[in-house]
Amino acid sequence: MAWTRYAAIGDSFTEGIGDPYPDGGWRGWADRVAEALSARTDGFAYANLAIRGRLLDEIIDGQLPAALALEPDLVSVSGGGNDLLRPGTDVDALAGRMDGAVERLRAAGADVVLFTGVDPVGSAVIRRTRGRVAVYNEHLRAIAVRRGAYVVDQWAMDVLKDWRMWGVDRLHMSPEGHRRVALAMLEALGVPELEDWRAPELEPLPELSRGARLLFDVRWARGHLAPWIGRRLRGRSSGDEISAKRPSLSPFE
């Protein structure tokens, strides 16, 4: 396939938080994918409508219509992760919303890429969502089969369990994590002659003492978890007053 009009919708994962450009803007896996596709296709254009902190309903109600208006032939959709962090989320209803979104995109003639959630087994706090994430992932795989979509199976990417793939907030990927996800998406699309996201293999991290792990967790909770909880309690989002970084299709430079 030679896609020429790629639109990305989603939350901070798709916006590229954690993978900075030298000028302070955010790069991320979607920009990396667009760069690779642009080098292989004349007339390629790319839009990124993702905004950090968005829930799936906000992505579908706000970003999906804007993406459809661009008449893309390729759309990546990543959403639901922020919903799954919230206790009491109805995973089946969440999947139903995603299914409807994919159906609309496929009916418009676009190829669609979905992303399963990463296995949070190594996180002291987020691993409590592991069951919800696993069920949602099964829904996503079923949606992909039913609608004819591509899937980037991050749950199966064991390298993403390594903390070097993540930033200090443990919520957003590091540049290396974004790089590997970009390669995994290109592999799912069947784009040839690229690096393998599995390489290079990483040497095991040194084992921390129980005290060091506790100190690490306490500092993380104070510096990152507590502000996140505070925003939730105030009904605020990190994406408030943030607009999409690439709201229209344009050549990738």
Protein backbone atom coordinates (compact mmCIF):
# COMPACT_ATOMS: atom_id res chain seq x y z
CA MET A 1 0.00 0.00 0.00
CA ALA A 2 1.12 3.55 -0.75
CA TRP A 3 -0.82 5.79 1.62
CA THR A 4 -0.76 9.50 0.83
CA ARG A 5 -3.10 11.02 3.46
CA TYR A 6 -2.40 9.93 7.05
CA ALA A 7 -4.32 11.30 10.04
CA ALA A 8 -3.55 10.37 13.65
CA ILE A 9 -6.10 10.80 16.45
CA GLY A 10 -5.77 10.05 20.14
CA ASP A 11 -4.33 11.31 23.41
CA SER A 12 -0.82 12.07 24.72
CA PHE A 13 0.53 8.78 23.35
CA THR A 14 -0.25 9.88 19.79
CA GLU A 15 0.61 13.53 20.41
CA GLY A 16 4.13 12.32 21.19
CA ILE A 17 4.60 13.39 24.80
CA GLY A 18 7.96 12.17 26.08
CA ASP A 19 9.75 12.37 22.72
CA PRO A 20 10.87 15.98 22.27
CA TYR A 21 12.19 17.78 19.24
CA PRO A 22 15.20 20.08 19.82
CA ASP A 23 12.86 23.10 19.69
CA GLY A 24 10.74 21.73 22.54
CA GLY A 25 7.84 20.45 20.45
CA TRP A 26 6.72 16.85 20.63
CA ARG A 27 7.72 14.25 18.06
CA GLY A 28 6.46 10.78 18.99
CA TRP A 29 5.81 7.56 17.13
CA ALA A 30 3.18 9.07 14.79
CA ASP A 31 5.62 11.70 13.49
CA ARG A 32 8.23 8.96 13.09
CA VAL A 33 5.77 6.85 11.08
CA ALA A 34 4.85 9.84 8.93
CA GLU A 35 8.52 10.50 8.27
CA ALA A 36 9.05 6.94 7.08
CA LEU A 37 5.93 6.91 4.89
CA SER A 38 6.77 10.32 3.44
CA ALA A 39 10.18 9.08 2.32
CA ARG A 40 8.49 6.27 0.36
CA THR A 41 5.50 8.06 -1.19
CA ASP A 42 5.30 11.14 -3.39
CA GLY A 43 2.65 13.66 -2.39
CA PHE A 44 2.39 12.34 1.17
CA ALA A 45 0.56 14.52 3.74
CA TYR A 46 0.08 14.07 7.47
CA ALA A 47 -2.18 15.46 10.21
CA ASN A 48 -2.00 14.81 13.95
CA LEU A 49 -5.16 15.77 15.83
CA ALA A 50 -4.26 14.09 19.13
CA ILE A 51 -4.41 16.05 22.38
CA ARG A 52 -3.04 14.91 25.73
CA GLY A 53 -5.47 13.86 28.45
CA ARG A 54 -8.38 13.10 26.13
CA LEU A 55 -10.88 10.38 27.02
CA LEU A 56 -12.19 8.12 24.27
CA ASP A 57 -15.53 9.96 23.98
CA GLU A 58 -13.65 13.23 23.51
CA ILE A 59 -11.48 11.68 20.81
CA ILE A 60 -14.48 10.25 18.96
CA ASP A 61 -16.71 13.32 19.33
CA GLY A 62 -14.01 15.92 18.68
CA GLN A 63 -11.20 14.45 16.64
CA LEU A 64 -12.93 11.79 14.54
CA PRO A 65 -15.19 14.17 12.57
CA ALA A 66 -12.22 16.45 11.91
CA ALA A 67 -10.19 13.49 10.68
CA LEU A 68 -12.99 12.29 8.40
CA ALA A 69 -13.25 15.77 6.90
CA LEU A 70 -9.62 15.43 5.76
CA GLU A 71 -10.55 12.37 3.67
CA PRO A 72 -7.52 10.32 4.80
CA ASP A 73 -6.62 6.92 3.41
CA LEU A 74 -4.86 5.90 6.65
CA VAL A 75 -5.93 6.71 10.22
CA SER A 76 -4.34 5.60 13.47
CA VAL A 77 -6.68 5.53 16.47
CA SER A 78 -5.39 5.18 20.00
CA GLY A 79 -7.75 5.88 22.85
CA GLY A 80 -9.22 4.47 26.02
CA GLY A 81 -6.07 4.44 28.11
CA ASN A 82 -7.12 7.46 30.17
CA ASP A 83 -10.56 5.92 30.65
CA LEU A 84 -9.07 2.66 31.94
CA LEU A 85 -7.15 4.52 34.63
CA ARG A 86 -10.49 5.47 36.17
CA PRO A 87 -12.13 2.93 38.51
CA GLY A 88 -15.56 1.82 37.41
CA THR A 89 -14.99 2.25 33.69
CA ASP A 90 -17.39 0.11 31.63
CA VAL A 91 -14.88 -1.67 29.38
CA ASP A 92 -17.56 -3.21 27.15
CA ALA A 93 -19.17 0.19 26.53
CA LEU A 94 -15.75 1.67 25.85
CA ALA A 95 -15.08 -1.01 23.25
CA GLY A 96 -18.49 -0.40 21.68
CA ARG A 97 -17.58 3.24 21.14
CA MET A 98 -14.28 2.27 19.55
CA ASP A 99 -16.01 -0.25 17.30
CA GLY A 100 -18.39 2.43 16.05
CA ALA A 101 -15.50 4.78 15.34
CA VAL A 102 -13.61 2.17 13.35
CA GLU A 103 -16.76 1.30 11.42
CA ARG A 104 -17.17 4.96 10.39
CA LEU A 105 -13.56 5.23 9.27
CA ARG A 106 -13.69 2.01 7.28
CA ALA A 107 -16.98 3.06 5.65
CA ALA A 108 -15.21 6.27 4.54
CA GLY A 109 -12.55 4.18 2.80
CA ALA A 110 -9.69 4.65 5.27
CA ASP A 111 -7.37 1.92 6.49
CA VAL A 112 -7.27 1.94 10.30
CA VAL A 113 -4.55 1.09 12.81
CA LEU A 114 -5.41 0.25 16.43
CA PHE A 115 -3.11 -0.17 19.44
CA THR A 116 -3.55 -2.57 22.32
CA GLY A 117 -2.53 -1.31 25.74
CA VAL A 118 0.87 -2.08 27.20
CA ASP A 119 1.01 -4.74 29.93
CA PRO A 120 1.35 -2.67 33.17
CA VAL A 121 2.54 -5.62 35.24
CA GLY A 122 5.72 -3.79 36.31
CA SER A 123 4.00 -0.68 37.66
CA ALA A 124 3.35 -0.50 41.37
CA VAL A 125 0.10 1.45 40.88
CA ILE A 126 -1.06 1.16 37.25
CA ARG A 127 -0.85 -2.64 37.32
CA ARG A 128 -4.15 -2.54 39.22
CA THR A 129 -5.73 -1.74 35.85
CA ARG A 130 -4.19 -4.83 34.25
CA GLY A 131 -7.42 -6.81 34.11
CA ARG A 132 -9.35 -3.96 32.48
CA VAL A 133 -6.55 -3.39 29.97
CA ALA A 134 -6.44 -7.09 29.06
CA VAL A 135 -10.21 -7.23 28.44
CA TYR A 136 -10.12 -4.03 26.38
CA ASN A 137 -7.26 -5.45 24.34
CA GLU A 138 -9.32 -8.51 23.47
CA HIS A 139 -12.11 -6.23 22.31
CA LEU A 140 -9.65 -4.28 20.14
CA ARG A 141 -8.34 -7.45 18.50
CA ALA A 142 -11.91 -8.56 17.79
CA ILE A 143 -12.78 -5.14 16.34
CA ALA A 144 -9.74 -5.35 14.06
CA VAL A 145 -10.85 -8.73 12.73
CA ARG A 146 -14.45 -7.64 12.31
CA ARG A 147 -13.66 -4.32 10.61
CA GLY A 148 -10.51 -5.26 8.72
CA ALA A 149 -8.14 -3.03 10.69
CA TYR A 150 -4.45 -3.33 11.52
CA VAL A 151 -3.30 -3.85 15.12
CA VAL A 152 -0.08 -2.88 16.87
CA ASP A 153 -0.01 -5.34 19.77
CA GLN A 154 1.89 -3.44 22.45
CA TRP A 155 0.86 -6.01 25.08
CA ALA A 156 3.06 -8.53 23.23
CA MET A 157 6.02 -6.13 23.02
CA ASP A 158 7.97 -7.32 26.06
CA VAL A 159 10.58 -4.61 25.50
CA LEU A 160 7.98 -2.05 26.60
CA LYS A 161 8.09 -3.55 30.10
CA ASP A 162 11.61 -2.11 30.42
CA TRP A 163 11.58 1.24 32.26
CA ARG A 164 14.09 2.63 29.76
CA MET A 165 11.17 2.74 27.31
CA TRP A 166 9.40 5.21 29.61
CA GLY A 167 9.91 8.72 30.89
CA VAL A 168 10.30 9.67 34.54
CA ASP A 169 6.53 10.03 34.93
CA ARG A 170 6.05 6.33 34.00
CA LEU A 171 3.01 7.33 31.94
CA HIS A 172 4.60 8.54 28.72
CA MET A 173 7.17 6.76 26.60
CA SER A 174 10.77 7.85 26.22
CA PRO A 175 12.16 8.62 22.75
CA GLU A 176 13.35 5.01 22.52
CA GLY A 177 9.89 3.73 23.39
CA HIS A 178 8.31 5.93 20.71
CA ARG A 179 10.91 4.76 18.20
CA ARG A 180 10.09 1.12 18.79
CA VAL A 181 6.34 1.66 18.59
CA ALA A 182 6.79 3.49 15.28
CA LEU A 183 8.75 0.54 13.91
CA ALA A 184 6.08 -1.87 15.19
CA MET A 185 3.35 0.10 13.38
CA LEU A 186 5.32 0.14 10.15
CA GLU A 187 5.84 -3.61 10.51
CA ALA A 188 2.09 -4.10 11.03
CA LEU A 189 1.45 -2.10 7.85
CA GLY A 190 3.89 -4.27 5.93
CA VAL A 191 6.30 -1.44 5.14
CA PRO A 192 9.54 -3.20 4.07
CA GLU A 193 13.22 -2.64 4.69
CA LEU A 194 13.05 -1.11 8.14
CA GLU A 195 14.78 -1.68 11.44
CA ASP A 196 13.40 -4.33 13.75
CA TRP A 197 11.62 -2.87 16.80
CA ARG A 198 13.04 -5.78 18.82
CA ALA A 199 16.59 -4.52 18.36
CA PRO A 200 18.84 -3.71 19.94
CA GLU A 201 18.23 -6.10 22.79
CA LEU A 202 18.75 -4.42 26.16
CA GLU A 203 21.01 -5.57 28.94
CA PRO A 204 19.06 -6.31 32.14
CA LEU A 205 18.68 -3.37 34.50
CA PRO A 206 20.51 -3.68 37.83
CA GLU A 207 18.34 -5.02 40.62
CA LEU A 208 17.34 -2.29 43.09
CA SER A 209 17.09 -2.89 46.80
CA ARG A 210 13.68 -2.78 48.42
CA GLY A 211 14.53 0.57 49.98
CA ALA A 212 15.64 2.05 46.66
CA ARG A 213 12.45 0.86 44.96
CA LEU A 214 10.34 2.38 47.73
CA LEU A 215 12.16 5.71 47.48
CA PHE A 216 11.74 5.68 43.71
CA ASP A 217 8.00 4.98 44.07
CA VAL A 218 7.52 7.70 46.71
CA ARG A 219 9.26 10.33 44.59
CA TRP A 220 7.19 9.32 41.57
CA ALA A 221 3.94 9.48 43.55
CA ARG A 222 4.73 12.97 44.85
CA GLY A 223 6.02 14.34 41.58
CA HIS A 224 3.63 12.76 39.08
CA LEU A 225 0.79 10.71 40.58
CA ALA A 226 -0.38 13.35 43.06
CA PRO A 227 -0.67 16.12 40.42
CA TRP A 228 -2.58 13.73 38.14
CA ILE A 229 -5.04 12.88 40.93
CA GLY A 230 -5.37 16.58 41.75
CA ARG A 231 -6.37 17.41 38.18
CA ARG A 232 -8.94 14.62 38.21
CA LEU A 233 -10.48 15.89 41.46
CA ARG A 234 -10.71 19.42 40.03
CA GLY A 235 -12.20 18.16 36.77
CA ARG A 236 -9.18 19.43 34.86
CA SER A 237 -7.04 17.82 32.18
CA SER A 238 -3.45 18.26 31.06
CA GLY A 239 -4.91 18.95 27.63
CA ASP A 240 -7.02 21.94 28.69
CA GLU A 241 -6.25 24.90 26.42
CA ILE A 242 -4.05 22.65 24.22
CA SER A 243 -4.80 22.44 20.50
CA ALA A 244 -3.76 19.82 17.96
CA LYS A 245 -0.18 20.20 16.74
CA ARG A 246 -1.03 19.37 13.08
CA PRO A 247 -4.76 20.04 12.60
CA SER A 248 -4.65 19.79 8.79
CA LEU A 249 -2.93 17.59 6.24
CA SER A 250 0.40 18.96 5.11
CA PRO A 251 3.66 17.55 3.72
CA PHE A 252 5.88 16.11 6.41
CA GLU A 253 9.14 17.99 6.87
